[in-house]
Every structure is written in structure tokens, then in C-alpha cells.
Amino acid sequence: MRTFIKTFSKFFIFSLALSAAVVCSTAQAAPAHKYRVAWSIYVGWMPWDYAAKQGIVKKWADKYGIEIEVVQINDYIESINQYTAGAFDACVMTNMDMLTIPAAGGVDSTALIVGDFSNGNDGIVLKKAKGLADIKGRPVNLVELSVSHYLLARALESVKLSERDIKVINTSDADIVAAFAASDAKAVVTWNPQLSEVAAMPGAVKVFDSSNIPGEIIDLLVVNTKTLNANPALGKALAGAWYETMALMSRNDAKGKAARTAMGVASGTDLAGYEKQLATTKMFYAPADAVSFTKSATLIKTMDQVRRFSFEHGILGEGARSVDHVGMSFPGGKTLGNTKNTTLRFTADYMDMAAQGKL
């Protein structure tokens, strides 16, 4: 524009100011970047539904000049598949599913928010048993290659058994309760609310649950790394919305109760049912707690166990010739696997901003 300014006459100065005003107006009128977040029903992910319905997500998106659409997907695995295919910019999922679906599929993904870990929400139930060792020789109904399968493997290790000592029967989570009710069923591995249902049946004994392996089944908000790097405002808005909702739902007053009630109803239960599920979920309400967990050496150990299970069961990606096939990065520059194929990343940056009040 300078090439057109030959003098400092009032006319040209006025023209310049007018042009600048037009450019500014045009920029403000330009459509905001729009991002899509997929979620599915689970105790630790209900806050996303609440935050969207209450305008909390919009508030934070507006702050950073973007748009965020929060979309419920009824089928959990389908939501991850759609994220992996590029239909969504972010999606809720467990640490194991993050590894075996998008990361193993070559989609570079970042765990933006570590929301909670299962602390009893996943469990093993046997009929007429004294303890976990009685699982030997039994058929076990579960969703094969899911976190239930991982929980079973870790449980068997604790009593010096292996999958060779049992028979896995792949069963949909929608059919797991009916399967256990059948007279020939001997054992199931499942998650809540189905876990509570089967554990309440006559003769049922819960012999192991995720509280025996705390911190290993982790619930995350995962974002496409390329998208996040191109616009960090997305990460800031999502973290801001999440921790505002965490602060609200953890309150012991009428507002907190109302928030938890709404989340319970939206998930198909009531306040009592939802709080019962929260009791077996380690929620990181405070961002500082999530930061500490994400920066811990324990997380790296957990992901090493998860990748070894995944490789042994053939779900670490096509062409995976070793457990190091997928590269993972953690805070502090720590890594696992092939650093030339890093597609799974944990970051504490945005949670740390929330902890320091810098969002």
C-alpha cells in the first residue's frame, strides 16, 4: 500500500485510514475456523455433552475466535474410526484405543486432555468362585481386543496364568449382560454400567477390577496433531471449556449437583447412578493433578505395557514387526518406539496453562 502514498496530504492520509478500516472489517467478517469433536457416552466423557449444551464450549471457542461443534456418536469404536478417517478434529478415547486405531493407522494424534482413569469401572466377574484363580479353564465372555481384554491379560499375570489357561469368547458389550445370564456362562469381563448389572446377579463374584491396576485404563481427549499445531487456539479453547466444567461438576453445592444430575440423565441414569460410576473413576478435576500424572514415569511404563499387549495380539498396525513399530512421545522429551514414526503424543502444555490460569 505504501507505493500509492506519494505525499502526506490529508487526502491520502484519510484514504489510507479508510482502506485500513475496510481491511479490518473484512477480516472480522471472515468465517471462523470450525472444528468438530466426537464423543460417546461414558461417565468420564459426559462433561463434554454438558459443556456443549450449557454454552461453555461456545464461550471458550468465541474467546479464541473459532467454532467448535461437539457431536455425539452412539458407537464408541465408530467415533474413533471417523476421527481416524478425518471426519473429526478431536475425539474421546482410551489410551489403548488411541494407540491401536489412529496412531497405529498412521494418524499423528495428541492426547490433549487426560481426563481420568478407570478405578473400578472395568472388572472381571465369575460365577460361584472364591477368587480370580478360579478363572482357569473357563470360557470368558468379553469384547475381544478391547480394554476388557487388556484387563484380563493383566489379571491373569497377577495369578501366574495366561490366555492359554482360559477361552476367550468375543461378545458385544450390548450382549454381555445377557451372555452372563445364560446358564452355561462362567465368566465375563466388562465395564460399567454392564459391570454393575452382572455383578448383582445371583452367584456372581467380582474377582478383579481396574482399581487393581490403577492408572492403566486412561480416558483422553485426543486431537489431530497437525490440526492442533496449525491452530493452538483449538487446544486452549478445549482445555478452557473442560476445566471450567470440571470446576463446576466437582462443587458440593446446588450448582454442582445440578451439573452431575444433568450428566447422569444424559447418560441414561440419575444422580445416584452417575455418582456411583464417578466413585469408581479417578477424575482429574484439578488440571495440576492431570499434569503431574501426564509427566510421571508411571505413564510411560503403562504405555509400554499397553504396546506390548497390542503387539502380541496383532493390533499394533499393519506391518508391525516389533513392539517399537509406533513411536510415542511424552513430556520432557521422553520417547518409546520408533522416533521416525511418532504418531502418538502426550502433552501437558494445555493442561498446564489451565493450572496456571493462562488460558
Protein backbone atom coordinates (compact mmCIF):
# COMPACT_ATOMS: atom_id res chain seq x y z
CA MET A 1 0.00 0.00 0.00
CA ARG A 2 2.97 2.29 0.60
CA THR A 3 3.65 2.52 -3.18
CA PHE A 4 0.48 4.53 -3.58
CA ILE A 5 1.34 7.10 -0.90
CA LYS A 6 3.27 9.92 -2.61
CA THR A 7 2.55 12.80 -0.21
CA PHE A 8 1.38 13.35 3.33
CA SER A 9 -1.69 15.26 2.26
CA LYS A 10 -4.81 14.94 4.37
CA PHE A 11 -6.49 13.28 1.41
CA PHE A 12 -4.06 10.39 1.23
CA ILE A 13 -3.91 10.01 4.99
CA PHE A 14 -7.72 9.80 5.05
CA SER A 15 -7.68 7.28 2.18
CA LEU A 16 -5.16 5.12 3.99
CA ALA A 17 -7.20 5.15 7.17
CA LEU A 18 -10.34 4.27 5.23
CA SER A 19 -8.58 1.39 3.47
CA ALA A 20 -7.29 0.04 6.78
CA ALA A 21 -10.80 0.18 8.22
CA VAL A 22 -12.16 -1.77 5.24
CA VAL A 23 -9.45 -4.43 5.57
CA CYS A 24 -10.12 -4.74 9.31
CA SER A 25 -13.85 -5.05 8.73
CA THR A 26 -13.30 -7.74 6.09
CA ALA A 27 -11.03 -9.72 8.43
CA GLN A 28 -13.62 -9.60 11.19
CA ALA A 29 -16.31 -10.77 8.80
CA ALA A 30 -14.27 -13.76 7.64
CA PRO A 31 -15.69 -17.08 8.86
CA ALA A 32 -14.01 -18.55 11.93
CA HIS A 33 -12.15 -21.84 11.74
CA LYS A 34 -14.60 -24.60 12.60
CA TYR A 35 -13.59 -27.80 14.37
CA ARG A 36 -15.53 -30.95 15.24
CA VAL A 37 -15.22 -33.04 18.40
CA ALA A 38 -16.71 -36.55 18.67
CA TRP A 39 -17.79 -38.04 21.97
CA SER A 40 -19.65 -41.14 23.16
CA ILE A 41 -21.46 -41.99 26.38
CA TYR A 42 -19.21 -42.90 29.31
CA VAL A 43 -19.02 -41.47 32.82
CA GLY A 44 -15.77 -39.61 32.18
CA TRP A 45 -16.91 -38.10 28.89
CA MET A 46 -20.35 -36.81 29.89
CA PRO A 47 -18.85 -33.41 30.79
CA TRP A 48 -18.36 -32.71 27.06
CA ASP A 49 -22.07 -33.08 26.44
CA TYR A 50 -22.88 -30.82 29.37
CA ALA A 51 -20.30 -28.20 28.36
CA ALA A 52 -21.73 -28.09 24.84
CA LYS A 53 -25.37 -27.84 25.95
CA GLN A 54 -24.64 -25.17 28.55
CA GLY A 55 -22.73 -22.96 26.13
CA ILE A 56 -19.40 -23.43 27.90
CA VAL A 57 -17.71 -24.77 24.77
CA LYS A 58 -19.07 -21.87 22.70
CA LYS A 59 -17.89 -19.35 25.29
CA TRP A 60 -14.32 -20.58 25.05
CA ALA A 61 -14.43 -21.00 21.28
CA ASP A 62 -15.65 -17.42 20.93
CA LYS A 63 -12.80 -16.24 23.13
CA TYR A 64 -10.30 -17.62 20.62
CA GLY A 65 -12.23 -16.70 17.50
CA ILE A 66 -13.08 -20.24 16.40
CA GLU A 67 -16.09 -22.52 16.22
CA ILE A 68 -16.29 -25.93 17.92
CA GLU A 69 -19.04 -28.45 17.23
CA VAL A 70 -19.42 -31.26 19.79
CA VAL A 71 -21.08 -34.33 18.24
CA GLN A 72 -22.35 -37.46 19.99
CA ILE A 73 -21.60 -40.76 18.23
CA ASN A 74 -23.59 -43.71 19.58
CA ASP A 75 -20.95 -46.31 18.70
CA TYR A 76 -17.69 -45.71 20.57
CA ILE A 77 -15.37 -47.52 18.14
CA GLU A 78 -17.13 -45.92 15.19
CA SER A 79 -16.39 -42.49 16.66
CA ILE A 80 -12.68 -43.32 16.71
CA ASN A 81 -12.84 -44.71 13.19
CA GLN A 82 -14.46 -41.50 11.97
CA TYR A 83 -11.80 -39.42 13.72
CA THR A 84 -9.09 -41.56 12.14
CA ALA A 85 -10.71 -41.07 8.72
CA GLY A 86 -10.60 -37.29 9.17
CA ALA A 87 -14.29 -36.59 9.84
CA PHE A 88 -13.44 -35.10 13.25
CA ASP A 89 -10.58 -33.00 14.57
CA ALA A 90 -10.79 -34.47 18.07
CA CYS A 91 -12.34 -37.49 19.77
CA VAL A 92 -12.60 -39.05 23.22
CA MET A 93 -10.95 -42.46 23.60
CA THR A 94 -8.83 -44.61 25.89
CA ASN A 95 -5.05 -44.72 25.75
CA MET A 96 -5.07 -48.23 24.28
CA ASP A 97 -7.56 -47.35 21.54
CA MET A 98 -5.56 -44.22 20.71
CA LEU A 99 -2.55 -46.45 20.11
CA THR A 100 -4.22 -49.25 18.18
CA ILE A 101 -6.54 -47.23 15.93
CA PRO A 102 -5.40 -43.72 14.91
CA ALA A 103 -1.73 -43.97 15.92
CA ALA A 104 -1.25 -47.47 14.50
CA GLY A 105 -3.14 -46.30 11.41
CA GLY A 106 -0.63 -43.53 10.79
CA VAL A 107 -2.73 -40.59 12.03
CA ASP A 108 -0.47 -38.42 14.20
CA SER A 109 -2.52 -37.75 17.34
CA THR A 110 -2.01 -35.84 20.59
CA ALA A 111 -3.61 -36.58 23.96
CA LEU A 112 -4.60 -33.02 24.79
CA ILE A 113 -6.52 -33.71 28.00
CA VAL A 114 -6.01 -36.61 30.39
CA GLY A 115 -9.44 -36.60 31.98
CA ASP A 116 -9.48 -39.63 34.26
CA PHE A 117 -8.59 -43.26 34.66
CA SER A 118 -10.80 -46.24 35.41
CA ASN A 119 -10.55 -47.12 39.09
CA GLY A 120 -13.10 -49.92 39.28
CA ASN A 121 -15.28 -49.17 36.25
CA ASP A 122 -13.88 -52.24 34.43
CA GLY A 123 -13.96 -55.65 36.04
CA ILE A 124 -13.99 -59.46 35.91
CA VAL A 125 -16.97 -61.37 37.27
CA LEU A 126 -17.12 -65.14 37.80
CA LYS A 127 -19.93 -67.46 38.84
CA LYS A 128 -19.52 -69.47 42.02
CA ALA A 129 -15.89 -68.62 42.62
CA LYS A 130 -13.67 -67.93 45.60
CA GLY A 131 -11.19 -65.80 43.72
CA LEU A 132 -9.55 -64.90 40.42
CA ALA A 133 -7.56 -68.16 40.22
CA ASP A 134 -10.86 -69.98 39.67
CA ILE A 135 -10.99 -68.50 36.17
CA LYS A 136 -8.61 -71.24 34.97
CA GLY A 137 -10.22 -73.48 32.37
CA ARG A 138 -13.29 -71.30 31.97
CA PRO A 139 -14.75 -69.63 28.86
CA VAL A 140 -14.64 -65.85 29.28
CA ASN A 141 -17.05 -63.51 27.50
CA LEU A 142 -15.65 -60.09 26.62
CA VAL A 143 -15.20 -57.57 23.82
CA GLU A 144 -12.11 -59.03 22.21
CA LEU A 145 -9.06 -56.75 21.77
CA SER A 146 -10.67 -54.04 23.89
CA VAL A 147 -9.59 -52.63 27.24
CA SER A 148 -11.52 -55.55 28.76
CA HIS A 149 -9.13 -57.92 27.01
CA TYR A 150 -6.18 -55.90 28.32
CA LEU A 151 -7.62 -56.01 31.86
CA LEU A 152 -7.99 -59.78 31.58
CA ALA A 153 -4.36 -60.17 30.49
CA ARG A 154 -3.12 -58.08 33.41
CA ALA A 155 -5.33 -60.01 35.83
CA LEU A 156 -4.07 -63.38 34.59
CA GLU A 157 -0.48 -62.23 35.11
CA SER A 158 -1.28 -61.49 38.75
CA VAL A 159 -2.14 -65.15 39.42
CA LYS A 160 0.54 -66.59 37.12
CA LEU A 161 -1.89 -67.65 34.41
CA SER A 162 -2.07 -66.75 30.71
CA GLU A 163 -4.69 -66.68 27.98
CA ARG A 164 -3.78 -70.29 27.20
CA ASP A 165 -5.45 -71.18 30.51
CA ILE A 166 -8.85 -69.77 29.50
CA LYS A 167 -11.02 -69.49 26.38
CA VAL A 168 -11.89 -66.01 25.11
CA ILE A 169 -15.38 -65.66 23.61
CA ASN A 170 -15.82 -62.41 21.67
CA THR A 171 -19.07 -60.80 22.86
CA SER A 172 -20.54 -57.40 22.06
CA ASP A 173 -20.83 -55.03 25.01
CA ALA A 174 -24.55 -54.79 24.19
CA ASP A 175 -24.90 -58.58 24.68
CA ILE A 176 -22.60 -59.07 27.65
CA VAL A 177 -25.30 -58.96 30.35
CA ALA A 178 -27.50 -61.49 28.55
CA ALA A 179 -24.47 -63.68 27.91
CA PHE A 180 -23.62 -63.85 31.61
CA ALA A 181 -27.24 -64.62 32.47
CA ALA A 182 -27.08 -67.79 30.36
CA SER A 183 -26.72 -71.00 32.36
CA ASP A 184 -23.52 -72.07 30.58
CA ALA A 185 -21.70 -68.74 31.13
CA LYS A 186 -18.81 -68.91 33.58
CA ALA A 187 -17.06 -65.54 33.43
CA VAL A 188 -17.27 -62.08 31.87
CA VAL A 189 -15.06 -59.02 31.61
CA THR A 190 -16.89 -55.74 31.05
CA TRP A 191 -17.26 -52.10 32.06
CA ASN A 192 -19.94 -50.01 33.71
CA PRO A 193 -22.89 -49.86 33.63
CA GLN A 194 -22.91 -53.51 32.46
CA LEU A 195 -20.40 -54.43 35.16
CA SER A 196 -22.78 -53.36 37.91
CA GLU A 197 -25.59 -55.38 36.34
CA VAL A 198 -23.68 -58.66 36.07
CA ALA A 199 -22.07 -58.26 39.48
CA ALA A 200 -25.54 -58.02 41.02
CA MET A 201 -26.73 -61.35 39.58
CA PRO A 202 -27.16 -64.36 41.89
CA GLY A 203 -23.93 -66.31 42.35
CA ALA A 204 -21.81 -63.56 40.73
CA VAL A 205 -18.46 -62.68 42.29
CA LYS A 206 -16.32 -59.75 41.13
CA VAL A 207 -12.78 -61.06 41.44
CA PHE A 208 -10.72 -58.29 39.80
CA ASP A 209 -11.24 -54.76 38.57
CA SER A 210 -9.32 -51.78 37.25
CA SER A 211 -8.61 -50.49 40.77
CA ASN A 212 -6.09 -53.36 40.90
CA ILE A 213 -4.18 -51.72 38.03
CA PRO A 214 -4.76 -48.00 38.75
CA GLY A 215 -3.79 -45.56 36.04
CA GLU A 216 -3.63 -48.08 33.21
CA ILE A 217 -7.02 -47.60 31.53
CA ILE A 218 -6.94 -43.87 30.81
CA ASP A 219 -9.66 -41.71 29.27
CA LEU A 220 -8.46 -38.95 26.96
CA LEU A 221 -9.45 -36.18 24.60
CA VAL A 222 -7.33 -36.79 21.51
CA VAL A 223 -6.69 -34.12 18.85
CA ASN A 224 -5.17 -34.42 15.39
CA THR A 225 -1.58 -33.21 15.88
CA LYS A 226 -1.34 -31.37 12.57
CA THR A 227 -4.59 -29.52 13.27
CA LEU A 228 -3.51 -28.63 16.81
CA ASN A 229 -0.12 -27.35 15.69
CA ALA A 230 -1.72 -25.24 12.96
CA ASN A 231 -4.07 -23.56 15.44
CA PRO A 232 -3.17 -23.86 19.14
CA ALA A 233 -6.30 -21.81 19.87
CA LEU A 234 -8.24 -25.06 19.48
CA GLY A 235 -6.26 -26.65 22.31
CA LYS A 236 -6.68 -23.59 24.53
CA ALA A 237 -10.43 -23.42 23.95
CA LEU A 238 -10.95 -27.13 24.62
CA ALA A 239 -8.84 -27.05 27.78
CA GLY A 240 -10.61 -23.94 29.00
CA ALA A 241 -14.05 -25.43 28.46
CA TRP A 242 -13.08 -28.74 30.08
CA TYR A 243 -11.66 -27.30 33.27
CA GLU A 244 -14.47 -24.81 33.70
CA THR A 245 -16.82 -27.81 33.57
CA MET A 246 -14.61 -29.80 35.96
CA ALA A 247 -14.70 -26.97 38.48
CA LEU A 248 -18.48 -26.80 38.24
CA MET A 249 -19.29 -30.52 38.46
CA SER A 250 -16.94 -31.06 41.42
CA ARG A 251 -18.71 -28.45 43.56
CA ASN A 252 -20.63 -29.66 46.62
CA ASP A 253 -23.47 -27.21 46.19
CA ALA A 254 -26.70 -26.94 44.24
CA LYS A 255 -24.93 -25.96 41.01
CA GLY A 256 -22.55 -28.90 41.20
CA LYS A 257 -25.40 -31.29 41.97
CA ALA A 258 -27.43 -29.90 39.07
CA ALA A 259 -24.50 -30.43 36.69
CA ARG A 260 -23.95 -34.03 37.81
CA THR A 261 -27.67 -34.71 37.62
CA ALA A 262 -27.80 -33.47 34.04
CA MET A 263 -24.82 -35.64 33.10
CA GLY A 264 -26.42 -38.68 34.74
CA VAL A 265 -29.74 -38.20 32.95
CA ALA A 266 -27.97 -37.69 29.60
CA SER A 267 -26.13 -40.99 30.13
CA GLY A 268 -29.33 -42.91 30.88
CA THR A 269 -29.26 -42.93 34.66
CA ASP A 270 -29.88 -40.49 37.51
CA LEU A 271 -27.76 -38.55 40.00
CA ALA A 272 -27.27 -41.57 42.28
CA GLY A 273 -26.34 -43.83 39.37
CA TYR A 274 -23.93 -41.30 37.92
CA GLU A 275 -22.24 -40.63 41.24
CA LYS A 276 -21.84 -44.37 41.76
CA GLN A 277 -19.92 -44.50 38.47
CA LEU A 278 -17.88 -41.45 39.46
CA ALA A 279 -16.89 -43.28 42.65
CA THR A 280 -15.05 -45.88 40.55
CA THR A 281 -13.50 -43.27 38.26
CA LYS A 282 -10.42 -41.24 39.21
CA MET A 283 -11.37 -37.87 37.75
CA PHE A 284 -8.66 -35.26 37.42
CA TYR A 285 -10.81 -32.30 38.39
CA ALA A 286 -7.77 -30.10 39.01
CA PRO A 287 -5.55 -29.54 35.95
CA ALA A 288 -2.42 -29.66 38.12
CA ASP A 289 -3.23 -33.28 39.03
CA ALA A 290 -3.59 -34.20 35.36
CA VAL A 291 -0.26 -32.50 34.61
CA SER A 292 1.51 -34.49 37.33
CA PHE A 293 0.03 -37.75 36.05
CA THR A 294 0.99 -36.98 32.44
CA LYS A 295 4.55 -36.09 33.37
CA SER A 296 5.06 -39.17 35.54
CA ALA A 297 7.32 -42.08 34.71
CA THR A 298 4.35 -44.33 35.51
CA LEU A 299 2.55 -43.21 32.34
CA ILE A 300 5.49 -44.32 30.20
CA LYS A 301 5.55 -47.68 31.96
CA THR A 302 1.83 -48.08 31.36
CA MET A 303 2.12 -47.27 27.66
CA ASP A 304 4.97 -49.77 27.37
CA GLN A 305 2.69 -52.47 28.82
CA VAL A 306 -0.15 -51.43 26.50
CA ARG A 307 2.01 -51.51 23.37
CA ARG A 308 3.40 -54.95 24.28
CA PHE A 309 -0.12 -56.32 24.73
CA SER A 310 -1.15 -54.73 21.43
CA PHE A 311 1.80 -56.17 19.52
CA GLU A 312 1.28 -59.65 20.97
CA HIS A 313 -2.36 -59.54 19.86
CA GLY A 314 -1.60 -58.24 16.38
CA ILE A 315 -3.26 -54.82 16.74
CA LEU A 316 -0.24 -52.52 16.62
CA GLY A 317 -0.76 -51.77 12.95
CA GLU A 318 -0.22 -53.42 9.60
CA GLY A 319 3.37 -54.42 9.02
CA ALA A 320 4.32 -54.09 12.69
CA ARG A 321 7.38 -56.28 13.06
CA SER A 322 8.25 -55.27 16.60
CA VAL A 323 6.82 -53.61 19.66
CA ASP A 324 8.66 -50.45 18.58
CA HIS A 325 6.58 -50.02 15.41
CA VAL A 326 4.70 -46.95 16.69
CA GLY A 327 6.69 -44.08 18.12
CA MET A 328 5.35 -42.32 21.23
CA SER A 329 6.44 -39.03 22.77
CA PHE A 330 5.93 -37.79 26.32
CA PRO A 331 6.58 -34.54 28.21
CA GLY A 332 10.24 -33.84 28.84
CA GLY A 333 11.39 -35.25 25.51
CA LYS A 334 10.96 -38.87 26.58
CA THR A 335 10.03 -41.42 23.94
CA LEU A 336 9.12 -45.04 23.26
CA GLY A 337 9.35 -46.89 19.96
CA ASN A 338 10.34 -45.67 16.53
CA THR A 339 11.00 -41.92 16.73
CA LYS A 340 10.79 -41.75 12.92
CA ASN A 341 7.21 -42.96 13.12
CA THR A 342 5.91 -40.96 16.09
CA THR A 343 2.12 -40.88 15.82
CA LEU A 344 1.12 -40.92 19.50
CA ARG A 345 1.91 -37.94 21.69
CA PHE A 346 1.12 -36.93 25.26
CA THR A 347 1.34 -33.24 26.09
CA ALA A 348 0.84 -31.44 29.39
CA ASP A 349 1.11 -27.96 27.83
CA TYR A 350 -2.56 -27.02 27.65
CA MET A 351 -3.46 -28.59 30.97
CA ASP A 352 -0.54 -26.68 32.49
CA MET A 353 -1.88 -23.42 31.04
CA ALA A 354 -5.18 -24.16 32.76
CA ALA A 355 -3.40 -24.94 36.04
CA GLN A 356 -1.54 -21.61 35.88
CA GLY A 357 -4.58 -19.60 34.86
CA LYS A 358 -3.03 -18.69 31.49
CA LEU A 359 -5.90 -19.65 29.21
